[in-house]
């Protein structure tokens, strides 16, 4: 490792002990952008990198609420407002038992560069709670969301910080959160994205992350003379993101043969199509967080406690959570003849897996580029809310297409060397330069 990078990371780890996920996310970016940073005296003098890795604001709070038995439960809530150089803080809320400050800092840091890549005026942030909806009633989820927003409301607003959904936060949770914000502030405003179509939401928002990822994959395939039609895909997860990706892959003539959960994965050689795709949303809404019922419903094979990357496919799309694909999985995919991997989840691959792909000059792209379609359409929802107007699904989809092409072009411009495109470097450098220049222009803030 470069001595400058090593020194920088040592200082970061000393200030933020125990935040492994955050350190991993920072190292990936710093390794990509160090040459650009080191060669620009203005960046170094203003300590742009040192400022970038420090959130502008970190909010932590308790969330007391009562369950259906009348017992009081306590969860912890967070909002990490990471960087506002390009616009209001923008990023999802995650409700999951695995949520920690380290995970939210890594997500907020990644979000800053992802939002920069979209070309839309959005800063980066992330939030959430260690609350899990698994086994909870709708009334319990509502009471939790109302308590969570009773504290969060004072820190957000349409021109300050605009949260959205993430793992564990779908349309139901956004509705409860928005309702409580409206009750407290006595105003109807675009403070959250991912809202219902009848009250300020945007068409194709639920599908946007998956759709945008597949559009990005289309551009990656075009670079190597291939197309989606006829390709076999493995997909992890079974929520909105996986559902959107599978829907678009089917539309473009590809075939998805896996989905997965914490309990294992299913292999469906006939392809996940028609009512099988709709069934994924039923699984997501069941709050049970398992995928085994799919195998029982459709009579396919279920592999308990295993990951879908062992299946022989052309293209693999991690769509579930961070670090779900490791170096051994990467080597297995390459050995089995896979031609492309694109992270749809945030930091879906471990650092060793990413290095493995890049060292093999394998066609791989990181989540901050691939999954930016979700936040892009959230940004478009913000625009529609500001205008008090709704675009058609065709208009939104067209804008999403253009944004994903722009992101791919940025990655290619900054990451192409010889015949190989290093999408990791391209995404990191492209996102970094825009944020860094904005921070310089705005002074010491």
Protein backbone atom coordinates (compact mmCIF):
# COMPACT_ATOMS: atom_id res chain seq x y z
CA UNK A 1 0.00 0.00 0.00
CA UNK A 2 1.19 3.52 -0.83
CA UNK A 3 2.75 5.11 2.28
CA UNK A 4 0.52 8.17 1.98
CA UNK A 5 -2.60 6.00 1.86
CA UNK A 6 -1.35 3.88 4.77
CA UNK A 7 -0.74 6.97 6.89
CA UNK A 8 -4.15 8.40 6.00
CA UNK A 9 -5.93 5.15 6.92
CA UNK A 10 -4.00 4.81 10.19
CA UNK A 11 -5.18 8.26 11.22
CA UNK A 12 -8.77 7.47 10.26
CA UNK A 13 -8.79 4.18 12.19
CA UNK A 14 -7.34 5.88 15.27
CA UNK A 15 -10.21 8.41 15.22
CA UNK A 16 -12.94 5.87 14.41
CA UNK A 17 -12.01 2.59 16.14
CA UNK A 18 -14.14 -0.49 15.48
CA UNK A 19 -15.86 0.89 12.36
CA UNK A 20 -14.73 -1.86 9.97
CA UNK A 21 -17.38 -1.32 7.28
CA UNK A 22 -16.67 2.42 7.17
CA UNK A 23 -12.92 1.83 6.94
CA UNK A 24 -13.47 -0.63 4.06
CA UNK A 25 -15.57 1.89 2.11
CA UNK A 26 -13.07 4.71 2.65
CA UNK A 27 -10.07 2.58 1.65
CA UNK A 28 -11.70 1.58 -1.63
CA UNK A 29 -12.29 5.22 -2.56
CA UNK A 30 -8.92 6.52 -1.31
CA UNK A 31 -6.97 3.89 -3.25
CA UNK A 32 -8.78 4.94 -6.44
CA UNK A 33 -8.52 8.72 -6.05
CA UNK A 34 -5.13 9.09 -4.33
CA UNK A 35 -3.18 9.92 -7.50
CA UNK A 36 -5.70 12.65 -8.39
CA UNK A 37 -5.68 13.97 -4.82
CA UNK A 38 -1.90 13.83 -4.48
CA UNK A 39 -1.37 15.67 -7.78
CA UNK A 40 -3.69 18.56 -6.87
CA UNK A 41 -2.10 20.97 -4.36
CA UNK A 42 -5.44 22.76 -3.80
CA UNK A 43 -7.10 19.50 -2.66
CA UNK A 44 -4.22 18.73 -0.31
CA UNK A 45 -3.96 22.24 1.12
CA UNK A 46 -7.70 22.30 1.86
CA UNK A 47 -7.48 18.73 3.27
CA UNK A 48 -10.42 17.69 1.10
CA UNK A 49 -10.08 13.97 1.81
CA UNK A 50 -9.74 14.50 5.56
CA UNK A 51 -12.94 16.59 5.45
CA UNK A 52 -14.77 14.14 3.20
CA UNK A 53 -14.38 11.22 5.60
CA UNK A 54 -15.80 13.24 8.52
CA UNK A 55 -19.62 13.54 8.45
CA UNK A 56 -20.91 17.08 8.64
CA UNK A 57 -23.35 15.93 11.31
CA UNK A 58 -24.07 12.65 13.12
CA UNK A 59 -27.37 12.35 15.00
CA UNK A 60 -28.10 9.49 17.43
CA UNK A 61 -31.28 9.16 19.47
CA UNK A 62 -33.39 6.67 21.43
CA UNK A 63 -36.66 5.39 20.00
CA UNK A 64 -39.11 4.27 22.73
CA UNK A 65 -42.34 2.60 21.58
CA UNK A 66 -44.92 0.12 22.88
CA UNK A 67 -45.59 -3.34 21.44
CA UNK A 68 -49.00 -5.00 21.17
CA UNK A 69 -48.67 -6.39 24.70
CA UNK A 70 -48.33 -2.88 26.08
CA UNK A 71 -44.64 -3.36 26.88
CA UNK A 72 -42.16 -0.56 26.24
CA UNK A 73 -39.31 -1.35 23.85
CA UNK A 74 -36.26 0.80 23.12
CA UNK A 75 -34.36 0.99 19.85
CA UNK A 76 -31.59 3.29 18.70
CA UNK A 77 -32.08 5.74 15.82
CA UNK A 78 -29.49 7.42 13.62
CA UNK A 79 -29.12 9.99 10.86
CA UNK A 80 -25.65 10.58 9.39
CA UNK A 81 -25.66 13.78 7.34
CA UNK A 82 -22.41 13.22 5.49
CA UNK A 83 -21.90 15.86 2.82
CA UNK A 84 -24.05 18.69 1.47
CA UNK A 85 -21.62 20.20 -1.06
CA UNK A 86 -23.88 19.32 -4.01
CA UNK A 87 -27.32 19.69 -2.44
CA UNK A 88 -29.56 18.58 0.46
CA UNK A 89 -28.49 15.39 2.22
CA UNK A 90 -30.09 12.46 0.39
CA UNK A 91 -30.08 8.79 1.32
CA UNK A 92 -32.22 6.03 2.68
CA UNK A 93 -33.35 4.86 6.09
CA UNK A 94 -32.53 1.25 7.00
CA UNK A 95 -34.47 -0.64 9.69
CA UNK A 96 -32.63 -3.87 10.44
CA UNK A 97 -31.13 -5.54 13.49
CA UNK A 98 -27.65 -5.30 11.88
CA UNK A 99 -27.69 -1.48 11.76
CA UNK A 100 -24.74 0.19 13.48
CA UNK A 101 -23.11 3.59 13.20
CA UNK A 102 -20.26 2.05 11.19
CA UNK A 103 -22.65 0.64 8.59
CA UNK A 104 -24.55 3.91 8.28
CA UNK A 105 -21.32 5.89 7.94
CA UNK A 106 -20.13 3.61 5.15
CA UNK A 107 -23.49 3.93 3.42
CA UNK A 108 -23.56 7.72 3.81
CA UNK A 109 -19.99 8.02 2.51
CA UNK A 110 -20.83 5.85 -0.51
CA UNK A 111 -24.05 7.81 -1.04
CA UNK A 112 -22.11 11.06 -1.40
CA UNK A 113 -20.25 9.77 -4.47
CA UNK A 114 -23.23 7.89 -5.86
CA UNK A 115 -25.37 11.03 -5.75
CA UNK A 116 -22.54 12.98 -7.35
CA UNK A 117 -22.49 10.52 -10.25
CA UNK A 118 -26.21 11.01 -10.96
CA UNK A 119 -25.52 14.67 -11.94
CA UNK A 120 -28.54 15.68 -9.79
CA UNK A 121 -28.18 18.31 -7.01
CA UNK A 122 -28.05 15.96 -4.01
CA UNK A 123 -25.66 15.56 -1.11
CA UNK A 124 -25.09 12.31 0.77
CA UNK A 125 -26.60 10.93 3.96
CA UNK A 126 -27.97 7.75 5.53
CA UNK A 127 -29.96 6.78 8.59
CA UNK A 128 -31.95 4.08 10.26
CA UNK A 129 -32.41 1.96 13.34
CA UNK A 130 -31.64 -1.47 14.78
CA UNK A 131 -35.40 -2.16 14.74
CA UNK A 132 -36.53 -5.23 12.78
CA UNK A 133 -40.05 -5.68 11.39
CA UNK A 134 -39.70 -9.46 11.46
CA UNK A 135 -42.59 -10.90 13.49
CA UNK A 136 -44.08 -7.45 14.17
CA UNK A 137 -47.66 -6.42 13.50
CA UNK A 138 -48.57 -3.44 11.31
CA UNK A 139 -49.62 -1.52 14.42
CA UNK A 140 -46.26 -2.16 16.08
CA UNK A 141 -44.42 -1.01 12.95
CA UNK A 142 -46.60 2.10 12.82
CA UNK A 143 -45.92 2.97 16.48
CA UNK A 144 -42.20 2.49 15.98
CA UNK A 145 -42.16 4.68 12.84
CA UNK A 146 -44.12 7.41 14.60
CA UNK A 147 -41.70 7.44 17.54
CA UNK A 148 -38.70 7.42 15.20
CA UNK A 149 -40.04 10.42 13.24
CA UNK A 150 -40.94 12.29 16.43
CA UNK A 151 -37.20 12.81 16.92
CA UNK A 152 -36.01 12.78 13.31
CA UNK A 153 -38.41 15.49 12.09
CA UNK A 154 -36.36 18.31 13.65
CA UNK A 155 -33.30 17.37 11.54
CA UNK A 156 -34.83 16.96 8.06
CA UNK A 157 -36.73 18.97 5.45
CA UNK A 158 -37.15 19.29 1.66
CA UNK A 159 -34.21 21.71 1.41
CA UNK A 160 -32.12 20.21 4.22
CA UNK A 161 -32.24 16.41 4.29
CA UNK A 162 -34.58 14.15 2.31
CA UNK A 163 -34.56 10.51 3.49
CA UNK A 164 -35.93 7.57 1.46
CA UNK A 165 -36.38 3.85 2.02
CA UNK A 166 -33.75 1.13 2.24
CA UNK A 167 -33.65 -2.38 3.70
CA UNK A 168 -36.66 -2.78 6.00
CA UNK A 169 -38.23 0.51 4.90
CA UNK A 170 -40.73 0.17 2.06
CA UNK A 171 -43.94 1.94 1.08
CA UNK A 172 -45.71 1.04 4.34
CA UNK A 173 -42.95 2.47 6.53
CA UNK A 174 -42.55 5.59 4.38
CA UNK A 175 -46.30 6.17 4.75
CA UNK A 176 -46.19 5.97 8.54
CA UNK A 177 -43.08 8.20 8.70
CA UNK A 178 -44.56 10.79 6.33
CA UNK A 179 -47.86 10.86 8.20
CA UNK A 180 -46.12 11.59 11.49
CA UNK A 181 -43.94 14.30 9.93
CA UNK A 182 -47.05 15.93 8.44
CA UNK A 183 -48.85 15.77 11.80
CA UNK A 184 -45.94 17.39 13.69
CA UNK A 185 -45.03 20.07 11.13
CA UNK A 186 -48.53 20.73 9.83
CA UNK A 187 -47.27 20.83 6.26
CA UNK A 188 -47.43 18.63 3.18
CA UNK A 189 -43.99 18.74 1.62
CA UNK A 190 -41.50 16.54 -0.23
CA UNK A 191 -39.53 15.62 2.87
CA UNK A 192 -39.38 11.89 2.04
CA UNK A 193 -39.11 10.02 -1.25
CA UNK A 194 -40.57 6.63 -2.07
CA UNK A 195 -44.04 7.94 -1.26
CA UNK A 196 -47.26 6.43 -2.62
CA UNK A 197 -48.34 7.57 -6.08
CA UNK A 198 -51.51 9.19 -4.69
CA UNK A 199 -49.62 11.44 -2.28
CA UNK A 200 -46.48 12.72 -3.94
CA UNK A 201 -44.65 9.61 -5.14
CA UNK A 202 -43.07 9.02 -8.53
CA UNK A 203 -43.90 6.37 -11.07
CA UNK A 204 -41.34 3.49 -11.34
CA UNK A 205 -39.68 4.47 -8.00
CA UNK A 206 -40.09 0.97 -6.49
CA UNK A 207 -38.47 -0.59 -9.57
CA UNK A 208 -35.88 2.13 -10.13
CA UNK A 209 -32.83 0.62 -8.43
CA UNK A 210 -33.27 -2.70 -10.21
CA UNK A 211 -34.19 -1.11 -13.54
CA UNK A 212 -31.26 1.31 -13.41
CA UNK A 213 -28.84 -1.51 -12.54
CA UNK A 214 -29.91 -3.50 -15.58
CA UNK A 215 -29.59 -0.42 -17.81
CA UNK A 216 -26.04 -0.01 -16.50
CA UNK A 217 -25.34 -3.70 -17.19
CA UNK A 218 -26.60 -3.17 -20.74
CA UNK A 219 -23.90 -0.54 -21.28
CA UNK A 220 -21.24 -2.78 -19.70
CA UNK A 221 -22.24 -5.63 -22.00
CA UNK A 222 -22.20 -3.36 -25.04
CA UNK A 223 -18.57 -2.48 -24.25
CA UNK A 224 -17.64 -6.18 -24.62
CA UNK A 225 -19.89 -6.82 -27.61
CA UNK A 226 -22.66 -8.62 -25.68
CA UNK A 227 -26.33 -8.05 -24.76
CA UNK A 228 -28.81 -9.06 -22.04
CA UNK A 229 -30.90 -11.26 -24.34
CA UNK A 230 -30.10 -14.94 -23.87
CA UNK A 231 -27.95 -14.43 -20.75
CA UNK A 232 -28.49 -16.40 -17.52
CA UNK A 233 -28.35 -14.38 -14.30
CA UNK A 234 -27.92 -15.16 -10.62
CA UNK A 235 -29.50 -12.62 -8.27
CA UNK A 236 -29.29 -12.42 -4.49
CA UNK A 237 -31.99 -11.03 -2.21
CA UNK A 238 -35.73 -11.05 -2.86
CA UNK A 239 -36.92 -7.53 -2.03
CA UNK A 240 -37.78 -4.53 -4.19
CA UNK A 241 -34.30 -4.26 -5.68
CA UNK A 242 -34.10 -7.89 -6.79
CA UNK A 243 -37.72 -7.73 -7.98
CA UNK A 244 -37.01 -4.67 -10.15
CA UNK A 245 -33.85 -6.18 -11.63
CA UNK A 246 -35.56 -9.49 -12.41
CA UNK A 247 -38.52 -7.73 -14.04
CA UNK A 248 -36.26 -5.72 -16.37
CA UNK A 249 -34.02 -8.70 -17.18
CA UNK A 250 -37.10 -10.70 -18.22
CA UNK A 251 -38.32 -7.79 -20.35
CA UNK A 252 -34.95 -7.66 -22.15
CA UNK A 253 -34.84 -11.41 -22.84
CA UNK A 254 -32.53 -12.62 -20.07
CA UNK A 255 -33.28 -15.36 -17.52
CA UNK A 256 -32.84 -15.22 -13.73
CA UNK A 257 -32.40 -18.57 -11.99
CA UNK A 258 -31.70 -17.65 -8.33
CA UNK A 259 -32.93 -15.50 -5.47
CA UNK A 260 -31.67 -15.74 -1.90
CA UNK A 261 -32.25 -14.85 1.73
CA UNK A 262 -30.46 -15.29 5.07
CA UNK A 263 -31.69 -18.91 5.05
CA UNK A 264 -30.10 -19.87 1.69
CA UNK A 265 -31.00 -19.66 -1.99
CA UNK A 266 -33.36 -21.24 -4.50
CA UNK A 267 -32.38 -22.43 -7.98
CA UNK A 268 -35.13 -22.23 -10.59
CA UNK A 269 -33.76 -23.46 -13.95
CA UNK A 270 -36.98 -22.51 -15.77
CA UNK A 271 -36.45 -18.87 -14.82
CA UNK A 272 -38.19 -16.54 -12.35
CA UNK A 273 -40.99 -15.13 -14.48
CA UNK A 274 -44.70 -14.20 -14.34
CA UNK A 275 -46.38 -14.98 -11.01
CA UNK A 276 -43.02 -16.03 -9.56
CA UNK A 277 -41.82 -12.42 -9.78
CA UNK A 278 -44.99 -11.16 -8.07
CA UNK A 279 -44.50 -13.77 -5.34
CA UNK A 280 -41.21 -12.10 -4.37
CA UNK A 281 -43.18 -9.06 -3.19
CA UNK A 282 -45.41 -11.32 -1.08
CA UNK A 283 -42.26 -12.75 0.52
CA UNK A 284 -40.95 -9.26 1.21
CA UNK A 285 -44.22 -8.14 2.80
CA UNK A 286 -44.46 -11.25 5.02
CA UNK A 287 -41.77 -9.83 7.41
CA UNK A 288 -40.28 -13.34 7.69
CA UNK A 289 -37.00 -12.59 5.85
CA UNK A 290 -36.67 -16.10 4.35
CA UNK A 291 -36.74 -17.43 0.79
CA UNK A 292 -37.44 -21.14 1.39
CA UNK A 293 -41.22 -20.69 0.85
CA UNK A 294 -40.51 -19.91 -2.83
CA UNK A 295 -39.12 -23.43 -3.27
CA UNK A 296 -42.22 -24.93 -1.66
CA UNK A 297 -44.58 -22.74 -3.69
CA UNK A 298 -43.05 -23.52 -7.10
CA UNK A 299 -41.44 -26.91 -6.55
CA UNK A 300 -37.80 -25.94 -7.11
CA UNK A 301 -34.61 -26.78 -5.25
CA UNK A 302 -33.62 -24.90 -2.10
CA UNK A 303 -30.02 -24.77 -0.86
CA UNK A 304 -29.98 -23.95 2.86
CA UNK A 305 -27.19 -21.80 4.31
CA UNK A 306 -25.59 -21.38 0.87
CA UNK A 307 -24.98 -18.45 -1.49
CA UNK A 308 -26.18 -18.26 -5.11
CA UNK A 309 -22.70 -17.56 -6.50
CA UNK A 310 -22.02 -21.31 -6.78
CA UNK A 311 -24.59 -21.60 -9.59
CA UNK A 312 -23.19 -21.54 -13.15
CA UNK A 313 -24.43 -18.34 -14.81
CA UNK A 314 -23.33 -15.68 -17.29
CA UNK A 315 -23.90 -12.67 -15.04
CA UNK A 316 -24.11 -12.27 -11.24
CA UNK A 317 -25.94 -9.41 -9.50
CA UNK A 318 -25.52 -9.10 -5.71
CA UNK A 319 -28.76 -7.35 -4.66
CA UNK A 320 -29.00 -8.06 -0.92
CA UNK A 321 -26.51 -6.49 1.50
CA UNK A 322 -22.88 -5.51 2.08
CA UNK A 323 -20.01 -8.03 1.79
CA UNK A 324 -22.27 -10.81 0.50
CA UNK A 325 -19.76 -11.92 -2.16
CA UNK A 326 -16.21 -12.74 -1.03
CA UNK A 327 -12.96 -13.66 -2.78
CA UNK A 328 -13.76 -17.38 -2.88
CA UNK A 329 -17.10 -16.56 -4.52
CA UNK A 330 -15.34 -14.29 -7.02
CA UNK A 331 -12.88 -17.01 -8.00
CA UNK A 332 -15.73 -19.51 -8.31
CA UNK A 333 -17.69 -17.22 -10.62
CA UNK A 334 -14.65 -16.64 -12.83
CA UNK A 335 -13.87 -20.38 -12.92
CA UNK A 336 -17.49 -21.21 -13.81
CA UNK A 337 -17.41 -18.95 -16.88
CA UNK A 338 -19.27 -15.90 -15.55
CA UNK A 339 -18.52 -12.88 -17.76
CA UNK A 340 -19.77 -9.96 -15.64
CA UNK A 341 -20.55 -9.02 -12.02
CA UNK A 342 -22.32 -5.80 -11.07
CA UNK A 343 -22.97 -4.80 -7.45
CA UNK A 344 -26.58 -3.78 -7.03
CA UNK A 345 -26.34 -3.83 -3.23
CA UNK A 346 -24.12 -1.26 -1.51
CA UNK A 347 -20.56 -2.62 -1.20
CA UNK A 348 -21.93 -6.08 -2.02
CA UNK A 349 -18.43 -7.47 -2.54
CA UNK A 350 -15.62 -7.65 0.00
CA UNK A 351 -12.41 -5.73 -0.71
CA UNK A 352 -10.65 -8.99 -1.55
CA UNK A 353 -13.37 -9.90 -4.04
CA UNK A 354 -13.15 -6.50 -5.73
CA UNK A 355 -9.35 -6.76 -5.95
CA UNK A 356 -9.72 -10.26 -7.39
CA UNK A 357 -12.02 -9.03 -10.15
CA UNK A 358 -9.82 -6.03 -11.00
CA UNK A 359 -6.58 -8.06 -10.92
CA UNK A 360 -8.12 -10.57 -13.34
CA UNK A 361 -9.29 -7.63 -15.52
CA UNK A 362 -12.77 -9.07 -15.13
CA UNK A 363 -15.79 -6.94 -16.08
CA UNK A 364 -17.00 -5.67 -12.70
CA UNK A 365 -18.75 -2.49 -11.53
CA UNK A 366 -19.33 -1.16 -7.97
CA UNK A 367 -22.64 -0.36 -6.32
CA UNK A 368 -22.16 3.41 -6.23
CA UNK A 369 -22.45 3.35 -10.04
CA UNK A 370 -24.70 0.35 -10.67
CA UNK A 371 -27.43 1.03 -8.10
CA UNK A 372 -27.61 4.81 -8.50
CA UNK A 373 -30.93 4.47 -10.37
CA UNK A 374 -32.83 4.32 -7.10
CA UNK A 375 -31.56 7.59 -5.73
CA UNK A 376 -31.74 9.11 -9.22
CA UNK A 377 -35.49 8.54 -9.36
CA UNK A 378 -35.74 9.77 -5.77
CA UNK A 379 -34.11 12.96 -7.03
CA UNK A 380 -36.65 13.07 -9.85
CA UNK A 381 -39.40 12.63 -7.24
CA UNK A 382 -38.00 15.64 -5.38
CA UNK A 383 -38.18 17.66 -8.61
CA UNK A 384 -41.78 16.60 -9.21
CA UNK A 385 -42.72 17.50 -5.63
CA UNK A 386 -41.17 20.95 -6.05
CA UNK A 387 -43.23 21.50 -9.21
CA UNK A 388 -46.40 19.94 -7.72
CA UNK A 389 -46.53 17.84 -10.87
CA UNK A 390 -46.19 14.17 -11.86
CA UNK A 391 -44.34 12.94 -14.94
CA UNK A 392 -45.54 9.85 -16.82
CA UNK A 393 -43.74 6.55 -16.34
CA UNK A 394 -42.27 6.94 -19.84
CA UNK A 395 -40.81 10.35 -18.93
CA UNK A 396 -39.30 9.05 -15.69
CA UNK A 397 -37.91 5.94 -17.38
CA UNK A 398 -36.38 8.03 -20.17
CA UNK A 399 -34.65 10.28 -17.62
CA UNK A 400 -33.44 7.20 -15.71
CA UNK A 401 -32.00 5.77 -18.95
CA UNK A 402 -30.12 9.02 -19.59
CA UNK A 403 -28.76 9.22 -16.04
CA UNK A 404 -27.47 5.62 -16.10
CA UNK A 405 -25.80 6.27 -19.47
CA UNK A 406 -24.17 9.42 -18.08
CA UNK A 407 -22.88 7.44 -15.08
CA UNK A 408 -21.47 4.76 -17.38
CA UNK A 409 -19.81 7.41 -19.55
CA UNK A 410 -18.23 8.97 -16.44
CA UNK A 411 -16.90 5.59 -15.29
CA UNK A 412 -15.48 4.90 -18.75
CA UNK A 413 -13.87 8.33 -19.02
CA UNK A 414 -12.07 8.04 -15.68
CA UNK A 415 -11.52 4.28 -15.60
CA UNK A 416 -10.53 3.16 -19.10
CA UNK A 417 -6.90 2.20 -19.61
CA UNK A 418 -5.92 0.30 -22.71
CA UNK A 419 -8.68 -2.18 -23.45
CA UNK A 420 -9.88 -2.57 -19.85
CA UNK A 421 -12.40 -0.41 -17.99
CA UNK A 422 -11.75 -0.26 -14.25
CA UNK A 423 -15.26 0.75 -13.21
CA UNK A 424 -14.23 0.97 -9.55
CA UNK A 425 -11.64 3.64 -10.28
CA UNK A 426 -13.89 5.37 -12.81
CA UNK A 427 -16.82 5.66 -10.39
CA UNK A 428 -14.70 6.79 -7.46
CA UNK A 429 -12.68 9.40 -9.35
CA UNK A 430 -15.73 10.72 -11.21
CA UNK A 431 -17.74 11.13 -8.02
CA UNK A 432 -14.81 12.49 -5.99
CA UNK A 433 -13.75 15.27 -8.36
CA UNK A 434 -17.23 16.81 -8.52
CA UNK A 435 -17.66 16.84 -4.74
CA UNK A 436 -14.09 18.03 -4.13
CA UNK A 437 -14.44 20.96 -6.54
CA UNK A 438 -17.74 22.00 -4.93
CA UNK A 439 -16.17 21.89 -1.47
CA UNK A 440 -13.27 24.06 -2.64
CA UNK A 441 -15.63 26.59 -4.19
CA UNK A 442 -17.66 26.87 -0.97
CA UNK A 443 -14.71 27.51 1.34
CA UNK A 444 -13.87 25.98 4.70
CA UNK A 445 -17.28 24.48 5.60
